[in-house]
Protein backbone atom coordinates (compact mmCIF):
# COMPACT_ATOMS: atom_id res chain seq x y z
CA MET A 1 90.61 96.18 96.42
CA ALA A 2 90.10 99.78 95.32
CA ALA A 3 88.19 102.28 97.44
CA ALA A 4 87.52 106.01 97.72
CA ALA A 5 85.94 108.44 100.13
CA GLY A 6 85.14 112.14 100.16
CA THR A 7 83.84 114.70 102.62
CA TRP A 8 80.52 116.42 102.05
CA ALA A 9 77.71 115.73 99.63
CA PHE A 10 79.36 117.82 96.92
CA SER A 11 82.06 115.14 96.70
CA LEU A 12 79.59 112.76 94.98
CA PRO A 13 80.60 113.59 91.38
CA VAL A 14 84.23 113.51 92.50
CA LEU A 15 83.79 109.99 93.88
CA ASN A 16 82.23 108.90 90.60
CA LYS A 17 85.32 110.11 88.79
CA MET A 18 87.64 108.49 91.35
CA ARG A 19 85.85 105.18 90.93
CA ALA A 20 86.30 105.31 87.16
CA LEU A 21 89.97 106.23 87.48
CA LEU A 22 90.75 103.53 90.03
CA LEU A 23 89.01 100.86 87.99
CA ARG A 24 91.18 101.91 85.03
CA ASP A 25 94.28 101.20 87.15
CA ALA A 26 95.09 104.83 87.98
CA SER A 27 97.44 105.31 90.91
CA ALA A 28 95.95 106.56 94.15
CA THR A 29 97.97 109.78 93.93
CA ASP A 30 96.98 110.52 90.33
CA CYS A 31 93.37 109.79 91.26
CA VAL A 32 93.32 112.23 94.18
CA GLN A 33 95.03 114.99 92.22
CA GLU A 34 92.86 114.69 89.12
CA ALA A 35 89.60 114.40 91.03
CA MET A 36 90.46 117.25 93.39
CA ALA A 37 91.31 119.54 90.48
CA ASP A 38 87.77 119.23 89.13
CA ILE A 39 86.43 120.85 92.29
CA GLU A 40 89.30 123.26 92.98
CA ASN A 41 89.23 124.83 89.54
CA ASP A 42 85.44 124.99 89.14
CA GLU A 43 83.95 128.41 89.81
CA GLU A 44 80.62 126.82 90.69
CA THR A 45 82.09 124.99 93.68
CA GLY A 46 84.04 127.96 95.00
CA SER A 47 81.19 128.65 97.41
CA TYR A 48 82.19 125.41 99.17
CA VAL A 49 85.41 127.19 100.12
CA VAL A 50 87.63 125.28 97.74
CA GLY A 51 89.96 126.85 95.17
CA ARG A 52 88.81 129.25 92.46
CA GLY A 53 85.89 131.38 93.55
CA GLY A 54 86.37 130.59 97.24
CA TYR A 55 86.11 133.11 100.04
CA PRO A 56 88.76 135.86 99.96
CA ASN A 57 90.68 136.99 103.03
CA LYS A 58 90.27 140.35 104.75
CA ASP A 59 92.38 141.99 102.04
CA GLY A 60 90.18 140.57 99.29
CA LEU A 61 92.72 137.94 98.18
CA ILE A 62 91.96 134.26 97.71
CA GLN A 63 94.67 132.27 99.49
CA CYS A 64 94.48 128.49 99.35
CA ASP A 65 95.87 125.70 101.51
CA ALA A 66 96.35 122.15 100.22
CA ALA A 67 98.24 119.03 101.21
CA ILE A 68 98.78 115.51 99.95
CA MET A 69 100.24 112.47 101.66
CA GLU A 70 101.07 108.97 100.52
CA GLY A 71 101.10 105.93 102.76
CA HIS A 72 104.60 104.92 101.73
CA PRO A 73 106.95 105.98 103.00
CA CYS A 74 105.43 109.04 104.62
CA HIS A 75 105.62 111.14 101.46
CA PHE A 76 104.10 114.56 102.17
CA GLY A 77 103.79 117.91 100.45
CA ALA A 78 101.82 121.04 101.27
CA VAL A 79 101.25 124.66 100.35
CA ALA A 80 99.51 127.39 102.30
CA ALA A 81 98.45 130.98 101.68
CA LEU A 82 98.99 130.29 97.97
CA SER A 83 97.45 132.90 95.68
CA GLY A 84 96.75 132.73 91.97
CA VAL A 85 96.67 128.97 91.36
CA GLY A 86 93.35 127.25 90.75
CA THR A 87 94.72 123.77 91.54
CA PRO A 88 96.75 124.13 94.75
CA LEU A 89 96.79 120.39 95.48
CA ALA A 90 98.74 119.82 92.27
CA VAL A 91 101.34 122.30 93.53
CA ALA A 92 101.43 120.47 96.87
CA ARG A 93 102.19 117.25 94.98
CA LYS A 94 105.08 118.93 93.19
CA VAL A 95 106.41 120.03 96.57
CA MET A 96 106.21 116.40 97.72
CA GLU A 97 107.97 115.04 94.64
CA ARG A 98 110.37 117.76 93.51
CA ASN A 99 111.33 119.96 96.44
CA THR A 100 113.75 119.24 99.26
CA HIS A 101 111.26 120.94 101.58
CA SER A 102 107.84 119.58 102.45
CA PHE A 103 105.84 122.75 103.05
CA LEU A 104 105.88 126.07 101.18
CA VAL A 105 103.78 129.14 101.92
CA GLY A 106 102.84 132.50 100.45
CA ASP A 107 105.17 134.06 97.90
CA GLY A 108 107.55 131.11 98.15
CA ALA A 109 104.80 128.68 97.21
CA ALA A 110 103.80 130.89 94.28
CA ALA A 111 107.42 131.16 93.07
CA PHE A 112 107.81 127.39 93.22
CA ALA A 113 104.55 126.94 91.32
CA ARG A 114 105.88 129.16 88.53
CA GLU A 115 109.12 127.17 88.42
CA GLN A 116 107.05 124.01 87.96
CA GLY A 117 105.13 125.45 85.03
CA PHE A 118 101.93 126.52 86.76
CA ILE A 119 100.29 129.74 85.62
CA VAL A 120 99.97 132.10 88.58
CA GLU A 121 96.98 134.31 87.81
CA ASP A 122 96.01 137.66 89.22
CA ASN A 123 93.47 137.72 92.03
CA GLU A 124 90.70 139.06 89.80
CA SER A 125 90.90 135.86 87.75
CA MET A 126 90.53 133.76 90.89
CA MET A 127 87.49 135.70 92.11
CA THR A 128 83.98 135.10 90.83
CA GLU A 129 80.94 137.35 90.84
CA TRP A 130 79.79 135.51 93.97
CA SER A 131 83.05 135.84 95.91
CA ALA A 132 83.38 139.49 94.89
CA GLU A 133 79.87 140.14 96.22
CA VAL A 134 80.72 138.42 99.51
CA TYR A 135 83.76 140.65 99.92
CA LYS A 136 81.79 143.78 99.01
CA GLU A 137 79.20 142.94 101.66
CA TYR A 138 81.98 142.43 104.18
CA LEU A 139 83.47 145.86 103.42
CA GLU A 140 80.09 147.60 103.57
CA LYS A 141 78.47 145.78 106.48
CA LYS A 142 81.40 144.05 108.19
CA LYS A 143 79.36 140.89 107.84
CA SER A 144 81.31 137.63 107.70
CA PRO A 145 79.82 134.40 106.32
CA LYS A 146 79.11 131.67 108.85
CA GLY A 147 79.74 128.56 106.78
CA HIS A 148 82.95 126.93 105.63
CA ASP A 149 83.62 123.64 103.90
CA THR A 150 86.74 121.84 102.76
CA LEU A 151 87.20 118.92 100.42
CA GLY A 152 89.13 115.87 101.60
CA LEU A 153 89.64 112.80 99.44
CA ILE A 154 91.01 109.33 100.07
CA ALA A 155 91.99 106.89 97.33
CA LEU A 156 93.15 103.29 97.62
CA ASP A 157 94.31 101.84 94.30
CA ILE A 158 94.22 98.22 93.21
CA HIS A 159 97.91 97.84 94.00
CA GLY A 160 97.36 98.65 97.66
CA ASN A 161 98.70 102.22 97.57
CA ILE A 162 96.84 104.83 99.59
CA THR A 163 96.84 108.61 99.13
CA VAL A 164 94.93 111.33 100.90
CA GLY A 165 94.50 114.95 99.88
CA VAL A 166 92.83 118.08 101.19
CA SER A 167 92.17 121.48 99.66
CA THR A 168 90.56 124.64 101.00
CA SER A 169 90.52 128.39 100.52
CA GLY A 170 90.36 128.64 104.29
CA ALA A 171 88.26 130.51 106.78
CA PRO A 172 86.08 133.15 105.11
CA LEU A 173 87.65 136.61 105.31
CA LYS A 174 90.54 135.25 107.37
CA TYR A 175 93.53 137.31 108.42
CA PRO A 176 96.06 137.38 105.55
CA GLY A 177 98.55 134.55 105.89
CA ARG A 178 96.37 132.54 108.24
CA VAL A 179 96.85 128.75 108.01
CA GLY A 180 94.44 126.27 109.56
CA ASP A 181 94.84 122.61 110.38
CA SER A 182 94.15 121.27 106.88
CA PRO A 183 97.72 121.16 105.50
CA LEU A 184 99.39 120.27 108.80
CA PRO A 185 100.55 116.64 109.17
CA GLY A 186 99.13 115.04 112.29
CA CYS A 187 96.44 117.68 112.49
CA GLY A 188 95.00 117.72 109.00
CA LEU A 189 96.68 114.64 107.58
CA TYR A 190 99.07 111.85 108.41
CA ALA A 191 100.48 108.75 106.73
CA ASP A 192 102.93 106.11 107.89
CA ASN A 193 103.22 102.67 106.37
CA GLN A 194 104.95 101.37 109.50
CA LEU A 195 101.91 102.40 111.48
CA CYS A 196 99.75 101.29 108.55
CA LEU A 197 98.01 104.66 108.59
CA SER A 198 97.52 107.89 106.68
CA ALA A 199 95.46 111.01 107.29
CA VAL A 200 94.29 114.40 105.99
CA SER A 201 92.11 117.20 107.34
CA HIS A 202 90.17 120.35 106.40
CA PHE A 203 88.90 123.49 108.02
CA LEU A 204 85.26 124.55 108.43
CA SER A 205 83.69 127.50 110.25
CA LYS A 206 83.01 125.65 113.48
CA CYS A 207 83.32 122.13 112.23
CA HIS A 208 85.95 119.42 112.12
CA TRP A 209 85.68 116.19 110.16
CA ILE A 210 87.95 113.20 109.92
CA LEU A 211 87.67 110.62 107.18
CA ILE A 212 89.51 107.39 107.81
CA ALA A 213 90.09 104.37 105.59
CA MET A 214 91.75 101.47 107.31
CA GLY A 215 93.63 98.40 106.19
CA THR A 216 97.22 97.70 105.24
CA TRP A 217 97.42 101.49 105.22
CA GLN A 218 94.81 103.75 106.72
CA PRO A 219 93.84 107.19 105.37
CA PHE A 220 92.15 109.97 107.31
CA THR A 221 90.60 113.28 106.35
CA SER A 222 89.00 115.89 108.56
CA THR A 223 87.36 119.29 108.39
CA GLY A 224 86.38 121.78 111.05
CA ASP A 225 87.51 124.77 113.07
CA GLY A 226 91.16 124.54 112.14
CA ASP A 227 92.36 127.00 114.77
CA GLN A 228 91.01 124.65 117.44
CA ILE A 229 91.66 121.38 115.63
CA MET A 230 95.40 121.90 115.35
CA CYS A 231 95.65 121.89 119.14
CA PHE A 232 94.48 118.26 119.32
CA CYS A 233 96.27 116.50 116.42
CA PRO A 234 93.15 114.36 115.90
CA CYS A 235 94.37 112.52 112.80
CA PHE A 236 97.48 111.26 114.52
CA HIS A 237 95.42 110.40 117.60
CA VAL A 238 93.11 108.22 115.52
CA VAL A 239 96.13 106.61 113.86
CA LEU A 240 97.54 105.60 117.24
CA LEU A 241 94.22 104.22 118.42
CA MET A 242 93.85 102.15 115.26
CA LYS A 243 97.41 100.89 115.71
CA GLN A 244 96.41 99.74 119.19
CA GLY A 245 93.65 97.66 117.67
CA LEU A 246 90.55 99.81 118.01
CA SER A 247 87.92 99.49 115.31
CA PRO A 248 87.23 102.47 113.04
CA MET A 249 84.03 103.20 114.96
CA ASP A 250 85.67 102.96 118.37
CA ALA A 251 88.69 105.02 117.36
CA CYS A 252 86.50 107.81 115.97
CA GLN A 253 84.26 107.81 119.02
CA THR A 254 87.21 107.82 121.41
CA VAL A 255 88.81 110.85 119.76
CA LEU A 256 85.53 112.74 119.80
CA GLU A 257 84.94 111.94 123.47
CA ASP A 258 88.51 112.85 124.42
CA ILE A 259 88.26 116.29 122.84
CA LEU A 260 84.88 116.85 124.45
CA GLN A 261 86.26 116.02 127.88
CA ARG A 262 89.18 118.37 127.40
CA VAL A 263 87.26 121.41 126.16
CA GLY A 264 83.98 120.86 128.01
CA LYS A 265 80.51 120.49 126.53
CA GLU A 266 79.85 124.24 126.59
CA ASN A 267 82.96 124.91 124.46
CA MET A 268 82.70 121.93 122.13
CA PHE A 269 83.05 122.81 118.48
CA GLU A 270 81.40 120.81 115.72
CA LEU A 271 83.37 117.70 114.99
CA GLY A 272 82.85 114.66 112.80
CA ILE A 273 84.94 111.56 112.21
CA ILE A 274 84.44 108.75 109.71
CA ALA A 275 86.45 105.59 109.15
CA MET A 276 86.51 102.95 106.44
CA ASN A 277 88.59 99.78 106.33
CA MET A 278 89.94 97.98 103.30
CA LYS A 279 86.79 95.85 103.15
CA GLY A 280 84.62 98.95 102.89
CA GLU A 281 83.40 98.68 106.47
CA ALA A 282 82.81 102.13 107.90
CA GLY A 283 82.63 103.75 111.30
CA ALA A 284 81.84 107.31 112.25
CA ALA A 285 81.28 109.75 115.09
CA SER A 286 80.23 113.40 114.99
CA SER A 287 78.74 116.19 117.03
CA MET A 288 76.67 117.47 114.11
CA PRO A 289 75.02 116.09 110.97
CA PHE A 290 77.77 115.28 108.47
CA PRO A 291 77.25 114.07 104.89
CA TYR A 292 79.97 112.07 103.20
CA CYS A 293 80.43 109.66 100.30
CA ILE A 294 82.20 106.32 100.08
CA TRP A 295 82.81 103.64 97.49
CA SER A 296 84.64 100.31 97.42
CA GLN A 297 85.34 97.94 94.56
CA GLY A 298 82.39 95.67 93.93
CA GLN A 299 79.79 98.33 94.66
CA ASP A 300 77.70 99.47 91.71
CA SER A 301 77.25 103.00 93.01
CA ILE A 302 78.57 105.58 95.44
CA GLU A 303 77.07 105.52 98.92
CA GLU A 304 75.84 108.88 100.17
CA LEU A 305 75.76 108.73 103.96
CA MET A 306 74.73 111.09 106.72
CA GLN A 307 76.36 110.75 110.10
CA GLN A 308 73.98 112.00 112.76
CA PRO A 309 75.36 113.78 115.83
CA CYS A 310 76.08 111.62 118.81
CA LYS A 311 74.49 112.46 122.15
CA LEU A 312 77.16 114.28 124.10
């Protein structure tokens, strides 16, 4: 059984590509990397806060965070505050496969990327007319954009291997060097074949999403206010609940309710969680409308779904 899932409506063309790759016997990891690169390196999707053309930081530099995790045996690699590379998830994979460390940031991540043959471009090449205009408006009016998206992908290949990946250019006009929850294991992603689980997460302006696929291994992806999300380790929390036997729906709902109880309704940030098992059965919970896309082998087309906010 092959399956794929992606956060946000703009993941639809990505899911179509993932479906084609998986049905051609591509590995889950190759599928996530190749599909993610299409979005990361596309100037037109930079406005979704992913890769090239994303929002710059307060110094006008685009710094990207990305992470990838495999379900066996807890293979993980991540980069953060990486400048000059249009496909940061590919660099994160190289960290996972070719570096003794698991997480590289800033200049160190860029140096490693060069060693691995990536072209590290100047910031002007990473910016687009749109992102330059956003930064100009910020300098002139001190006006920061409200929105923020992140792309998270899950792939299950026909051999039963699961991989999750996340990529983001981070909070718009963030402080230089800032890292959100997205590349942090347990917060933004997690995978453990002994627990039969894996996870990934992303950062949004005031939003947090978790995508979960469940089965022999379970993948998760989330997006939201990363500075708050990292305090709750939601991906690992969902993993533990699933291990205890909760359904995808119940696990998602329980995590949402737990965070709400801890922060209080008046301080609750936007949060969404989705889950999908190996049969393609899905569960979700959110505090705001959340579009996402899923596909499982045997389906003729990608499902575009909208999770409506639960009544808190």
